[in-house]
Every structure is written in structure tokens, then in C-alpha cells.
Amino acid sequence: MKKLIVVVLSVLMLASTVIYAADVAVLDSILANNFYVGLGWPYDEMMDGVIDTFKEAKIQFDVISDDDMANIKKLEQYKVLVLPDNRPMDTAAVEVVLKLVADGKLKVFGTYQSSFRDAANQRVGDGNFQLEEIYDMKYSSWAGAGNIFIGKPDDLKDHPIWKGLPPEIMLITADQMVCEWLGFGKPLGVWLDSSLNPMREEDFNVAVVETNGGIYCNGWFWHPNNTDDDDVRKFAVNIVNYLLGK
């Protein structure tokens, strides 16, 4: 009888561990931190906004490091990887992410300058995103902007990431990497100016795109000025929940 009780307790403890395992990994990158600090940008405040957003939504997540991201045994435990503006990204980590995505084991939610340079902040190849095949964007130029909107495309029918949201979401700080949409993914958001008009021609105006590998936004989405807004936070939560369900 005692042996049976021990076995039952062991099974219950194991089940508890499985139930509460995190499916989401959020990168807290020392490489990105160093880059931000060098420019006087608010890295810690940005990460606070990311973490608070998911905690409030009761999403189970782990905060991981650059080294964790380059460890395939570590990263393959997760279904979704959140990359909040990690401009410098080690090529070894890039290879791990691309492999897991190609194998259908991982989805990525990336934003702004994510993967734009290597660990030494140097260009790789043609100087585009190292995760280009996930992000479906090719960098063109920089654009500083504020008080603009991510708008729901007119031809986009109901989509889970827009659930419970207005058709336009305001970004107070919306510096952008103006990018050319490469065309193999599906636009889920476009850039609108303060008058709610498109900011530029169609192929250079995609703000949010979905591919088989995840979802990417080319604006400074996680800037702390933006994550003070409930709609921005809900948009992020909707994206992660949607990717978890794929």
C-alpha cells in the first residue's frame, strides 16, 4: 500500500510539472541590452513592458538568454519565441531558430530590428534580417515616426490577432524599419498616418506580416511608450495566443 501511494504521488508530481511547463520563451538579450545602453535607449523599461504584458494575460513563459537561444535542446522545449528588438543576434542562435521553425517545432514573434546584425553588430550577407525567411521583409530605410497607427487591412477578414480590438492601433513611438514586403507571407497590418491614410506605397507599407514561421512587425512595437496602451498589449497577447494555437 505504501508503495502504491508513493507511485501515485510521483505521477501526480510529474503531471503537475507538465501542466505548468511554459510554452513561450521571451528573449532577454545581453547583446541587445548592450546595444540599447550604448545609444541611451530604454532597454530595461522595454523588457519590463514585455514581461508585464504576458504576466497580466497569465501566459506561461520563461525568460531566456542569448546562450539559451543557441541551445537547441533548450529552445525546442517551447512552441513560441518572442524576440523583442534583438538587433544583434548570434549566427549560431539564428541557425537553431531557423532549424526549429523549418521542422515545424517553433513559431517566432519578432519586432523591429530583430536579427538585423550578428553578435558583433556587423552585417551578415546582404545586410538584411538574418531571419528574413520568417519575417518576409527586406530592409529599405529608416523612418522616425510617432502617433501613427497599425491598421487592419481592408481585405483582411476576421483574424484572431484583431479580436476585441479597434481596426486601428496607435503607436506613440513608432520608429520603423521601412521594409519591402517580399510577398510570400500574409499582411495582417499596414501603416497609417495620423489621418488614418496609408503612409507609403503598398509593398513598403506592410506593418505586420504572418508567415509559416511566425509573425513580424517592423515598427518599434515594444517601446515603453507603446506598451502603456491597453490595445497594444492586447494585440501582443492575441499574437502569442494565435501562434500557440498553430
Foldseek 3Di string as FASTA:
>chain_A
DVVVVVVVVVVVVVVVCVVLDAQEEEEDEPLQVVVCVVVVHDSVLLVVLVVVLCVVVVHRYYYDYLVLLLDLVNVLSHAEYEAQQNLAHAVSSLVSLVVCLVVVRYAYEYEANAQQHHSVRHADDPSFHSVCVFAQWGFDAKDWDAQKWWFADPPDDDDQLCPPHDRIAGGGTWIFRQIFRNPQWAQGTFIAGNVRHGPDDDRRTRQWTGDSRFIYGGTNLSRSSNSVDPRSSSSVVSRVVVSVVD
